[in-house]
Amino acid sequence: MEKRVLPHIAALFTMFVWGLTFVSTKVLLNYLNPIEILFARTVLGFLALCLLRPRILRTKTRSHELMFALAGLTGAFGYYLAENTALQFADASFVSVAVSTAPLFTAALGFILLKEEGFGPRFVAGFVIAIAGIALISFQEGPAHASPIGVALCLVGALTWAVYSIVIKRLSTFGYDTIAVTKRVFAWGLIYMVVMLIATGDAFPLDALAEPPVIGNLVFLGVLASAGCFVTWGYSVKHLGATAASAYIYLQAPITVVWAVILLGEPFTAAIVIGLALVIVGLALSEGFHIRKRAL
């Protein structure tokens, strides 16, 4: 029973924390740019993981190392850079709703690459409904802000996260420790971030660290949301499967919407409510039966 329940609890906890990250990042964008936020939170997360697992992970084969490099590119670097940048062009509530379509992309890639079940008429219908919900929020007339660039970045982020979920599922079958795997993924992510910082000529503004909101939000993002939740997420994917675990992502959107309204004063219109409902219904329709059959 414990082995069945704990992966679900880990997934729920992860979504609760990640739902708050959109609001936290939105606050930080007043002080730092997207890559600076990503670099700072990843450094903090990596240091926290080093305390938990001081030893260096020795990969078994070169192909395993290449998969770690791909996981770092998609999960630790690509997805969060797309998300952080999207928050410059869209409200936190919209970004959370849009990237919650990641399970749909994960299911499609899981069907193509891993031969997982769940890709059929229900999936297609759910995908259409979810995309309709995003379109409703995107093109509404009102105070909600979501530019075409923001929409595109959200969907790129969702696709990138789907690739990461597939890769991390494969890595979970190689017998490595979950925390050590997460640390390795972060290390690769940091390499990509340093390369980008050098290429763009950006220098991290150390004076911004004197601002209390910066320190508090970076610690939350780096230690809890990055280090802690990457471990809990990896544990969930390992025991539930990439598709079933990713279905929990739809829970982060309602959490983000509520906190964005309370803390950021973002609008809470009828279009947002209906659009959010459509996304959740679409995800539930395409993934619900699959979860009950494979994970419970």
C-alpha atoms as a PDB file:
ATOM      1  CA  MET A   1       0.000   0.000   0.000  1.00  0.00           C
ATOM      2  CA  GLU A   2       2.809   2.412   0.928  1.00  0.00           C
ATOM      3  CA  LYS A   3       4.547   1.879  -2.400  1.00  0.00           C
ATOM      4  CA  ARG A   4       1.292   2.621  -4.199  1.00  0.00           C
ATOM      5  CA  VAL A   5       0.385   5.730  -2.216  1.00  0.00           C
ATOM      6  CA  LEU A   6       3.740   7.478  -1.744  1.00  0.00           C
ATOM      7  CA  PRO A   7       4.384   8.196  -5.457  1.00  0.00           C
ATOM      8  CA  HIS A   8       0.973   9.895  -5.651  1.00  0.00           C
ATOM      9  CA  ILE A   9       1.657  11.943  -2.518  1.00  0.00           C
ATOM     10  CA  ALA A  10       5.027  12.968  -3.934  1.00  0.00           C
ATOM     11  CA  ALA A  11       3.383  14.054  -7.189  1.00  0.00           C
ATOM     12  CA  LEU A  12       0.704  16.065  -5.355  1.00  0.00           C
ATOM     13  CA  PHE A  13       3.299  17.807  -3.177  1.00  0.00           C
ATOM     14  CA  THR A  14       5.383  18.606  -6.241  1.00  0.00           C
ATOM     15  CA  MET A  15       2.437  20.187  -8.017  1.00  0.00           C
ATOM     16  CA  PHE A  16       1.508  22.293  -4.984  1.00  0.00           C
ATOM     17  CA  VAL A  17       5.029  23.728  -4.782  1.00  0.00           C
ATOM     18  CA  TRP A  18       5.425  24.144  -8.531  1.00  0.00           C
ATOM     19  CA  GLY A  19       2.071  25.915  -8.680  1.00  0.00           C
ATOM     20  CA  LEU A  20       3.553  28.611  -6.444  1.00  0.00           C
ATOM     21  CA  THR A  21       6.731  28.946  -8.510  1.00  0.00           C
ATOM     22  CA  PHE A  22       4.976  30.914 -11.255  1.00  0.00           C
ATOM     23  CA  VAL A  23       4.015  33.608  -8.760  1.00  0.00           C
ATOM     24  CA  SER A  24       7.469  33.573  -7.173  1.00  0.00           C
ATOM     25  CA  THR A  25       9.210  33.911 -10.543  1.00  0.00           C
ATOM     26  CA  LYS A  26       6.862  36.714 -11.583  1.00  0.00           C
ATOM     27  CA  VAL A  27       7.975  38.658  -8.489  1.00  0.00           C
ATOM     28  CA  LEU A  28      11.654  38.025  -9.242  1.00  0.00           C
ATOM     29  CA  LEU A  29      11.276  39.340 -12.791  1.00  0.00           C
ATOM     30  CA  ASN A  30      11.053  42.806 -11.235  1.00  0.00           C
ATOM     31  CA  TYR A  31      14.704  42.433 -10.229  1.00  0.00           C
ATOM     32  CA  LEU A  32      16.335  39.820 -12.494  1.00  0.00           C
ATOM     33  CA  ASN A  33      15.999  38.594 -16.084  1.00  0.00           C
ATOM     34  CA  PRO A  34      14.872  35.022 -16.946  1.00  0.00           C
ATOM     35  CA  ILE A  35      18.331  33.451 -17.300  1.00  0.00           C
ATOM     36  CA  GLU A  36      19.599  35.128 -14.112  1.00  0.00           C
ATOM     37  CA  ILE A  37      16.657  33.725 -12.149  1.00  0.00           C
ATOM     38  CA  LEU A  38      17.196  30.290 -13.637  1.00  0.00           C
ATOM     39  CA  PHE A  39      20.933  30.329 -12.938  1.00  0.00           C
ATOM     40  CA  ALA A  40      20.530  31.473  -9.312  1.00  0.00           C
ATOM     41  CA  ARG A  41      17.812  28.951  -8.431  1.00  0.00           C
ATOM     42  CA  THR A  42      19.706  26.108 -10.090  1.00  0.00           C
ATOM     43  CA  VAL A  43      22.934  26.933  -8.251  1.00  0.00           C
ATOM     44  CA  LEU A  44      21.054  26.889  -4.937  1.00  0.00           C
ATOM     45  CA  GLY A  45      19.336  23.646  -5.868  1.00  0.00           C
ATOM     46  CA  PHE A  46      22.592  22.045  -6.949  1.00  0.00           C
ATOM     47  CA  LEU A  47      24.333  23.014  -3.692  1.00  0.00           C
ATOM     48  CA  ALA A  48      21.439  21.578  -1.680  1.00  0.00           C
ATOM     49  CA  LEU A  49      21.685  18.319  -3.610  1.00  0.00           C
ATOM     50  CA  CYS A  50      25.451  18.210  -3.057  1.00  0.00           C
ATOM     51  CA  LEU A  51      24.812  18.272   0.688  1.00  0.00           C
ATOM     52  CA  LEU A  52      22.437  15.330   0.313  1.00  0.00           C
ATOM     53  CA  ARG A  53      24.670  13.369  -2.076  1.00  0.00           C
ATOM     54  CA  PRO A  54      28.301  14.623  -1.811  1.00  0.00           C
ATOM     55  CA  ARG A  55      29.733  11.842  -3.973  1.00  0.00           C
ATOM     56  CA  ILE A  56      30.082  12.253  -7.721  1.00  0.00           C
ATOM     57  CA  LEU A  57      27.865   9.913  -9.727  1.00  0.00           C
ATOM     58  CA  ARG A  58      29.808   7.598 -12.007  1.00  0.00           C
ATOM     59  CA  THR A  59      27.826   6.838 -15.135  1.00  0.00           C
ATOM     60  CA  LYS A  60      27.923   3.277 -16.413  1.00  0.00           C
ATOM     61  CA  THR A  61      28.186   4.038 -20.128  1.00  0.00           C
ATOM     62  CA  ARG A  62      28.733   6.978 -22.454  1.00  0.00           C
ATOM     63  CA  SER A  63      25.164   6.667 -23.715  1.00  0.00           C
ATOM     64  CA  HIS A  64      23.918   7.174 -20.155  1.00  0.00           C
ATOM     65  CA  GLU A  65      25.936  10.383 -19.920  1.00  0.00           C
ATOM     66  CA  LEU A  66      24.401  11.596 -23.154  1.00  0.00           C
ATOM     67  CA  MET A  67      20.962  11.001 -21.676  1.00  0.00           C
ATOM     68  CA  PHE A  68      21.911  13.014 -18.592  1.00  0.00           C
ATOM     69  CA  ALA A  69      23.037  15.797 -20.917  1.00  0.00           C
ATOM     70  CA  LEU A  70      19.688  15.680 -22.723  1.00  0.00           C
ATOM     71  CA  ALA A  71      17.795  15.694 -19.419  1.00  0.00           C
ATOM     72  CA  GLY A  72      19.771  18.746 -18.312  1.00  0.00           C
ATOM     73  CA  LEU A  73      19.096  20.491 -21.610  1.00  0.00           C
ATOM     74  CA  THR A  74      15.342  19.868 -21.560  1.00  0.00           C
ATOM     75  CA  GLY A  75      14.425  19.749 -17.872  1.00  0.00           C
ATOM     76  CA  ALA A  76      16.852  21.914 -15.914  1.00  0.00           C
ATOM     77  CA  PHE A  77      17.533  24.435 -18.687  1.00  0.00           C
ATOM     78  CA  GLY A  78      15.105  24.503 -21.630  1.00  0.00           C
ATOM     79  CA  TYR A  79      11.774  24.180 -19.866  1.00  0.00           C
ATOM     80  CA  TYR A  80      12.483  26.725 -17.139  1.00  0.00           C
ATOM     81  CA  LEU A  81      14.047  29.234 -19.511  1.00  0.00           C
ATOM     82  CA  ALA A  82      10.918  29.044 -21.683  1.00  0.00           C
ATOM     83  CA  GLU A  83       8.683  29.374 -18.617  1.00  0.00           C
ATOM     84  CA  ASN A  84      10.620  32.293 -17.116  1.00  0.00           C
ATOM     85  CA  THR A  85      10.649  34.136 -20.433  1.00  0.00           C
ATOM     86  CA  ALA A  86       6.954  33.466 -21.016  1.00  0.00           C
ATOM     87  CA  LEU A  87       6.190  35.159 -17.689  1.00  0.00           C
ATOM     88  CA  GLN A  88       7.503  38.383 -19.207  1.00  0.00           C
ATOM     89  CA  PHE A  89       4.791  38.220 -21.859  1.00  0.00           C
ATOM     90  CA  ALA A  90       1.875  36.664 -19.977  1.00  0.00           C
ATOM     91  CA  ASP A  91       0.232  36.525 -16.563  1.00  0.00           C
ATOM     92  CA  ALA A  92       1.388  33.848 -14.139  1.00  0.00           C
ATOM     93  CA  SER A  93      -2.061  32.261 -14.171  1.00  0.00           C
ATOM     94  CA  PHE A  94      -2.040  31.891 -17.962  1.00  0.00           C
ATOM     95  CA  VAL A  95       1.494  30.497 -18.114  1.00  0.00           C
ATOM     96  CA  SER A  96       0.589  27.865 -15.538  1.00  0.00           C
ATOM     97  CA  VAL A  97      -2.534  26.865 -17.465  1.00  0.00           C
ATOM     98  CA  ALA A  98      -0.683  26.707 -20.786  1.00  0.00           C
ATOM     99  CA  VAL A  99       2.270  24.616 -19.635  1.00  0.00           C
ATOM    100  CA  SER A 100      -0.140  22.218 -17.925  1.00  0.00           C
ATOM    101  CA  THR A 101      -0.665  20.730 -21.393  1.00  0.00           C
ATOM    102  CA  ALA A 102       2.677  18.950 -20.935  1.00  0.00           C
ATOM    103  CA  PRO A 103       0.947  15.604 -20.132  1.00  0.00           C
ATOM    104  CA  LEU A 104      -0.626  15.650 -23.592  1.00  0.00           C
ATOM    105  CA  PHE A 105       2.756  15.995 -25.245  1.00  0.00           C
ATOM    106  CA  THR A 106       4.206  13.420 -22.849  1.00  0.00           C
ATOM    107  CA  ALA A 107       1.476  10.933 -23.742  1.00  0.00           C
ATOM    108  CA  ALA A 108       2.097  11.433 -27.453  1.00  0.00           C
ATOM    109  CA  LEU A 109       5.857  10.980 -27.074  1.00  0.00           C
ATOM    110  CA  GLY A 110       5.314   8.049 -24.700  1.00  0.00           C
ATOM    111  CA  PHE A 111       3.179   6.345 -27.325  1.00  0.00           C
ATOM    112  CA  ILE A 112       5.736   6.982 -30.076  1.00  0.00           C
ATOM    113  CA  LEU A 113       8.964   6.288 -28.168  1.00  0.00           C
ATOM    114  CA  LEU A 114       7.990   4.002 -25.287  1.00  0.00           C
ATOM    115  CA  LYS A 115       4.957   2.259 -26.803  1.00  0.00           C
ATOM    116  CA  GLU A 116       2.870   3.287 -23.796  1.00  0.00           C
ATOM    117  CA  GLU A 117      -0.908   2.990 -23.974  1.00  0.00           C
ATOM    118  CA  GLY A 118      -3.432   5.799 -23.800  1.00  0.00           C
ATOM    119  CA  PHE A 119      -3.187   7.358 -27.294  1.00  0.00           C
ATOM    120  CA  GLY A 120      -6.582   7.087 -28.991  1.00  0.00           C
ATOM    121  CA  PRO A 121      -9.896   8.896 -29.557  1.00  0.00           C
ATOM    122  CA  ARG A 122     -10.136   9.919 -25.881  1.00  0.00           C
ATOM    123  CA  PHE A 123      -6.676  11.426 -26.031  1.00  0.00           C
ATOM    124  CA  VAL A 124      -7.389  13.375 -29.225  1.00  0.00           C
ATOM    125  CA  ALA A 125     -10.689  14.702 -27.852  1.00  0.00           C
ATOM    126  CA  GLY A 126      -9.006  15.724 -24.602  1.00  0.00           C
ATOM    127  CA  PHE A 127      -6.187  17.445 -26.460  1.00  0.00           C
ATOM    128  CA  VAL A 128      -8.642  19.484 -28.561  1.00  0.00           C
ATOM    129  CA  ILE A 129     -10.625  20.518 -25.473  1.00  0.00           C
ATOM    130  CA  ALA A 130      -7.491  21.536 -23.563  1.00  0.00           C
ATOM    131  CA  ILE A 131      -6.131  23.598 -26.452  1.00  0.00           C
ATOM    132  CA  ALA A 132      -9.558  25.244 -26.791  1.00  0.00           C
ATOM    133  CA  GLY A 133      -9.302  26.278 -23.141  1.00  0.00           C
ATOM    134  CA  ILE A 134      -5.894  27.844 -23.706  1.00  0.00           C
ATOM    135  CA  ALA A 135      -7.174  29.639 -26.813  1.00  0.00           C
ATOM    136  CA  LEU A 136     -10.139  31.012 -24.869  1.00  0.00           C
ATOM    137  CA  ILE A 137      -7.850  32.563 -22.275  1.00  0.00           C
ATOM    138  CA  SER A 138      -5.335  33.734 -24.895  1.00  0.00           C
ATOM    139  CA  PHE A 139      -7.749  35.589 -27.134  1.00  0.00           C
ATOM    140  CA  GLN A 140     -10.237  36.933 -24.605  1.00  0.00           C
ATOM    141  CA  GLU A 141     -10.974  40.637 -24.497  1.00  0.00           C
ATOM    142  CA  GLY A 142     -10.231  41.870 -21.030  1.00  0.00           C
ATOM    143  CA  PRO A 143      -7.479  42.565 -18.492  1.00  0.00           C
ATOM    144  CA  ALA A 144      -5.717  39.203 -18.698  1.00  0.00           C
ATOM    145  CA  HIS A 145      -2.356  39.466 -20.423  1.00  0.00           C
ATOM    146  CA  ALA A 146      -1.089  36.756 -22.760  1.00  0.00           C
ATOM    147  CA  SER A 147       0.723  37.846 -25.925  1.00  0.00           C
ATOM    148  CA  PRO A 148       1.340  35.491 -28.879  1.00  0.00           C
ATOM    149  CA  ILE A 149       5.007  35.266 -27.849  1.00  0.00           C
ATOM    150  CA  GLY A 150       3.961  34.198 -24.367  1.00  0.00           C
ATOM    151  CA  VAL A 151       1.590  31.564 -25.756  1.00  0.00           C
ATOM    152  CA  ALA A 152       4.277  30.164 -28.064  1.00  0.00           C
ATOM    153  CA  LEU A 153       6.865  30.011 -25.280  1.00  0.00           C
ATOM    154  CA  CYS A 154       4.403  28.173 -23.019  1.00  0.00           C
ATOM    155  CA  LEU A 155       3.758  25.500 -25.632  1.00  0.00           C
ATOM    156  CA  VAL A 156       7.496  25.149 -26.341  1.00  0.00           C
ATOM    157  CA  GLY A 157       8.016  24.717 -22.613  1.00  0.00           C
ATOM    158  CA  ALA A 158       5.302  22.054 -22.419  1.00  0.00           C
ATOM    159  CA  LEU A 159       6.870  20.104 -25.283  1.00  0.00           C
ATOM    160  CA  THR A 160      10.330  20.437 -23.741  1.00  0.00           C
ATOM    161  CA  TRP A 161       9.056  19.122 -20.415  1.00  0.00           C
ATOM    162  CA  ALA A 162       7.477  16.162 -22.193  1.00  0.00           C
ATOM    163  CA  VAL A 163      10.865  15.255 -23.662  1.00  0.00           C
ATOM    164  CA  TYR A 164      12.440  15.571 -20.216  1.00  0.00           C
ATOM    165  CA  SER A 165       9.801  13.275 -18.678  1.00  0.00           C
ATOM    166  CA  ILE A 166      10.515  10.611 -21.279  1.00  0.00           C
ATOM    167  CA  VAL A 167      14.276  10.878 -20.762  1.00  0.00           C
ATOM    168  CA  ILE A 168      14.054  10.793 -16.953  1.00  0.00           C
ATOM    169  CA  LYS A 169      11.792   7.754 -17.164  1.00  0.00           C
ATOM    170  CA  ARG A 170      14.465   5.964 -19.188  1.00  0.00           C
ATOM    171  CA  LEU A 171      17.177   7.060 -16.747  1.00  0.00           C
ATOM    172  CA  SER A 172      15.133   5.692 -13.846  1.00  0.00           C
ATOM    173  CA  THR A 173      15.534   2.186 -15.272  1.00  0.00           C
ATOM    174  CA  PHE A 174      19.346   2.269 -15.083  1.00  0.00           C
ATOM    175  CA  GLY A 175      19.567   1.730 -11.329  1.00  0.00           C
ATOM    176  CA  TYR A 176      20.967   5.123 -10.319  1.00  0.00           C
ATOM    177  CA  ASP A 177      20.017   6.867  -7.075  1.00  0.00           C
ATOM    178  CA  THR A 178      17.201   9.417  -7.623  1.00  0.00           C
ATOM    179  CA  ILE A 179      18.952  12.277  -5.808  1.00  0.00           C
ATOM    180  CA  ALA A 180      22.232  11.573  -7.592  1.00  0.00           C
ATOM    181  CA  VAL A 181      20.391  11.593 -10.930  1.00  0.00           C
ATOM    182  CA  THR A 182      18.798  14.953 -10.124  1.00  0.00           C
ATOM    183  CA  LYS A 183      22.177  16.412  -9.146  1.00  0.00           C
ATOM    184  CA  ARG A 184      23.684  15.203 -12.420  1.00  0.00           C
ATOM    185  CA  VAL A 185      20.830  16.748 -14.394  1.00  0.00           C
ATOM    186  CA  PHE A 186      21.328  20.053 -12.566  1.00  0.00           C
ATOM    187  CA  ALA A 187      25.056  19.967 -13.276  1.00  0.00           C
ATOM    188  CA  TRP A 188      24.399  19.647 -16.991  1.00  0.00           C
ATOM    189  CA  GLY A 189      21.774  22.375 -16.789  1.00  0.00           C
ATOM    190  CA  LEU A 190      24.291  24.714 -15.161  1.00  0.00           C
ATOM    191  CA  ILE A 191      26.752  24.080 -17.982  1.00  0.00           C
ATOM    192  CA  TYR A 192      24.175  25.237 -20.534  1.00  0.00           C
ATOM    193  CA  MET A 193      23.313  28.266 -18.398  1.00  0.00           C
ATOM    194  CA  VAL A 194      26.943  29.347 -18.031  1.00  0.00           C
ATOM    195  CA  VAL A 195      27.415  29.036 -21.784  1.00  0.00           C
ATOM    196  CA  MET A 196      24.351  31.198 -22.368  1.00  0.00           C
ATOM    197  CA  LEU A 197      25.438  33.811 -19.805  1.00  0.00           C
ATOM    198  CA  ILE A 198      28.851  34.029 -21.476  1.00  0.00           C
ATOM    199  CA  ALA A 199      27.324  34.197 -24.947  1.00  0.00           C
ATOM    200  CA  THR A 200      24.919  36.978 -23.979  1.00  0.00           C
ATOM    201  CA  GLY A 201      27.509  38.873 -21.935  1.00  0.00           C
ATOM    202  CA  ASP A 202      25.227  39.020 -18.896  1.00  0.00           C
ATOM    203  CA  ALA A 203      26.767  39.439 -15.439  1.00  0.00           C
ATOM    204  CA  PHE A 204      24.697  38.382 -12.463  1.00  0.00           C
ATOM    205  CA  PRO A 205      23.630  41.556 -10.577  1.00  0.00           C
ATOM    206  CA  LEU A 206      24.875  40.778  -7.084  1.00  0.00           C
ATOM    207  CA  ASP A 207      23.371  44.006  -5.741  1.00  0.00           C
ATOM    208  CA  ALA A 208      19.905  42.537  -6.358  1.00  0.00           C
ATOM    209  CA  LEU A 209      20.588  40.001  -3.608  1.00  0.00           C
ATOM    210  CA  ALA A 210      20.269  42.833  -1.100  1.00  0.00           C
ATOM    211  CA  GLU A 211      16.541  42.971  -1.806  1.00  0.00           C
ATOM    212  CA  PRO A 212      14.561  40.769   0.675  1.00  0.00           C
ATOM    213  CA  PRO A 213      12.049  39.551  -1.953  1.00  0.00           C
ATOM    214  CA  VAL A 214      14.943  38.311  -4.099  1.00  0.00           C
ATOM    215  CA  ILE A 215      16.585  36.217  -1.383  1.00  0.00           C
ATOM    216  CA  GLY A 216      13.326  34.697  -0.137  1.00  0.00           C
ATOM    217  CA  ASN A 217      12.016  33.763  -3.565  1.00  0.00           C
ATOM    218  CA  LEU A 218      15.352  32.424  -4.789  1.00  0.00           C
ATOM    219  CA  VAL A 219      15.666  30.154  -1.751  1.00  0.00           C
ATOM    220  CA  PHE A 220      12.112  28.919  -2.297  1.00  0.00           C
ATOM    221  CA  LEU A 221      12.749  28.286  -5.997  1.00  0.00           C
ATOM    222  CA  GLY A 222      16.239  26.869  -5.626  1.00  0.00           C
ATOM    223  CA  VAL A 223      16.042  24.694  -2.526  1.00  0.00           C
ATOM    224  CA  LEU A 224      12.421  23.568  -2.337  1.00  0.00           C
ATOM    225  CA  ALA A 225      11.048  23.883  -5.873  1.00  0.00           C
ATOM    226  CA  SER A 226      14.214  22.844  -7.706  1.00  0.00           C
ATOM    227  CA  ALA A 227      16.243  20.501  -5.499  1.00  0.00           C
ATOM    228  CA  GLY A 228      13.411  19.111  -3.400  1.00  0.00           C
ATOM    229  CA  CYS A 229      10.756  18.798  -6.051  1.00  0.00           C
ATOM    230  CA  PHE A 230      12.999  17.449  -8.775  1.00  0.00           C
ATOM    231  CA  VAL A 231      13.692  14.576  -6.393  1.00  0.00           C
ATOM    232  CA  THR A 232      10.008  14.033  -5.562  1.00  0.00           C
ATOM    233  CA  TRP A 233       9.118  14.321  -9.238  1.00  0.00           C
ATOM    234  CA  GLY A 234      11.781  11.822 -10.253  1.00  0.00           C
ATOM    235  CA  TYR A 235      10.471   9.445  -7.591  1.00  0.00           C
ATOM    236  CA  SER A 236       6.920   9.803  -8.936  1.00  0.00           C
ATOM    237  CA  VAL A 237       7.946   9.250 -12.561  1.00  0.00           C
ATOM    238  CA  LYS A 238       9.997   6.202 -11.570  1.00  0.00           C
ATOM    239  CA  HIS A 239       7.065   4.483  -9.845  1.00  0.00           C
ATOM    240  CA  LEU A 240       4.077   5.795 -11.830  1.00  0.00           C
ATOM    241  CA  GLY A 241       5.488   6.104 -15.333  1.00  0.00           C
ATOM    242  CA  ALA A 242       6.071   9.253 -17.384  1.00  0.00           C
ATOM    243  CA  THR A 243       2.494   9.607 -18.651  1.00  0.00           C
ATOM    244  CA  ALA A 244       0.666   8.839 -15.401  1.00  0.00           C
ATOM    245  CA  ALA A 245       2.914  11.091 -13.302  1.00  0.00           C
ATOM    246  CA  SER A 246       2.724  13.969 -15.763  1.00  0.00           C
ATOM    247  CA  ALA A 247      -1.070  13.931 -15.561  1.00  0.00           C
ATOM    248  CA  TYR A 248      -0.736  15.454 -12.099  1.00  0.00           C
ATOM    249  CA  ILE A 249       0.609  18.613 -13.714  1.00  0.00           C
ATOM    250  CA  TYR A 250      -2.943  19.812 -14.360  1.00  0.00           C
ATOM    251  CA  LEU A 251      -3.303  20.448 -10.605  1.00  0.00           C
ATOM    252  CA  GLN A 252      -0.692  23.204 -10.616  1.00  0.00           C
ATOM    253  CA  ALA A 253      -2.815  25.506 -12.775  1.00  0.00           C
ATOM    254  CA  PRO A 254      -5.663  26.017 -10.237  1.00  0.00           C
ATOM    255  CA  ILE A 255      -3.075  26.523  -7.475  1.00  0.00           C
ATOM    256  CA  THR A 256      -1.275  29.166  -9.509  1.00  0.00           C
ATOM    257  CA  VAL A 257      -4.499  30.966 -10.485  1.00  0.00           C
ATOM    258  CA  VAL A 258      -5.594  31.278  -6.853  1.00  0.00           C
ATOM    259  CA  TRP A 259      -2.232  32.562  -5.619  1.00  0.00           C
ATOM    260  CA  ALA A 260      -1.786  34.885  -8.615  1.00  0.00           C
ATOM    261  CA  VAL A 261      -5.126  36.519  -7.823  1.00  0.00           C
ATOM    262  CA  ILE A 262      -4.294  36.825  -4.107  1.00  0.00           C
ATOM    263  CA  LEU A 263      -0.630  37.842  -4.269  1.00  0.00           C
ATOM    264  CA  LEU A 264      -0.264  39.518  -7.683  1.00  0.00           C
ATOM    265  CA  GLY A 265      -3.741  40.930  -8.139  1.00  0.00           C
ATOM    266  CA  GLU A 266      -4.130  39.207 -11.497  1.00  0.00           C
ATOM    267  CA  PRO A 267      -7.634  39.168 -13.037  1.00  0.00           C
ATOM    268  CA  PHE A 268     -10.065  36.362 -12.374  1.00  0.00           C
ATOM    269  CA  THR A 269     -12.500  36.582 -15.270  1.00  0.00           C
ATOM    270  CA  ALA A 270     -15.171  34.240 -16.553  1.00  0.00           C
ATOM    271  CA  ALA A 271     -12.986  33.411 -19.569  1.00  0.00           C
ATOM    272  CA  ILE A 272     -10.145  32.342 -17.269  1.00  0.00           C
ATOM    273  CA  VAL A 273     -12.462  30.140 -15.210  1.00  0.00           C
ATOM    274  CA  ILE A 274     -13.995  28.497 -18.296  1.00  0.00           C
ATOM    275  CA  GLY A 275     -10.619  28.134 -20.010  1.00  0.00           C
ATOM    276  CA  LEU A 276      -9.074  26.560 -16.925  1.00  0.00           C
ATOM    277  CA  ALA A 277     -12.025  24.178 -16.640  1.00  0.00           C
ATOM    278  CA  LEU A 278     -11.625  23.157 -20.297  1.00  0.00           C
ATOM    279  CA  VAL A 279      -7.919  22.432 -19.815  1.00  0.00           C
ATOM    280  CA  ILE A 280      -8.589  20.285 -16.751  1.00  0.00           C
ATOM    281  CA  VAL A 281     -11.473  18.459 -18.423  1.00  0.00           C
ATOM    282  CA  GLY A 282      -9.343  17.841 -21.501  1.00  0.00           C
ATOM    283  CA  LEU A 283      -6.482  16.459 -19.437  1.00  0.00           C
ATOM    284  CA  ALA A 284      -8.803  14.323 -17.342  1.00  0.00           C
ATOM    285  CA  LEU A 285     -10.512  12.962 -20.456  1.00  0.00           C
ATOM    286  CA  SER A 286      -7.277  12.029 -22.199  1.00  0.00           C
ATOM    287  CA  GLU A 287      -5.408  10.761 -19.125  1.00  0.00           C
ATOM    288  CA  GLY A 288      -7.968   9.710 -16.512  1.00  0.00           C
ATOM    289  CA  PHE A 289      -8.643   6.143 -17.643  1.00  0.00           C
ATOM    290  CA  HIS A 290      -4.960   5.562 -18.299  1.00  0.00           C
ATOM    291  CA  ILE A 291      -4.054   6.610 -14.729  1.00  0.00           C
ATOM    292  CA  ARG A 292      -6.674   4.365 -13.140  1.00  0.00           C
ATOM    293  CA  LYS A 293      -5.596   1.417 -15.232  1.00  0.00           C
ATOM    294  CA  ARG A 294      -1.821   1.758 -14.898  1.00  0.00           C
ATOM    295  CA  ALA A 295      -1.082   3.620 -11.641  1.00  0.00           C
ATOM    296  CA  LEU A 296      -3.697   2.700  -9.042  1.00  0.00           C
END
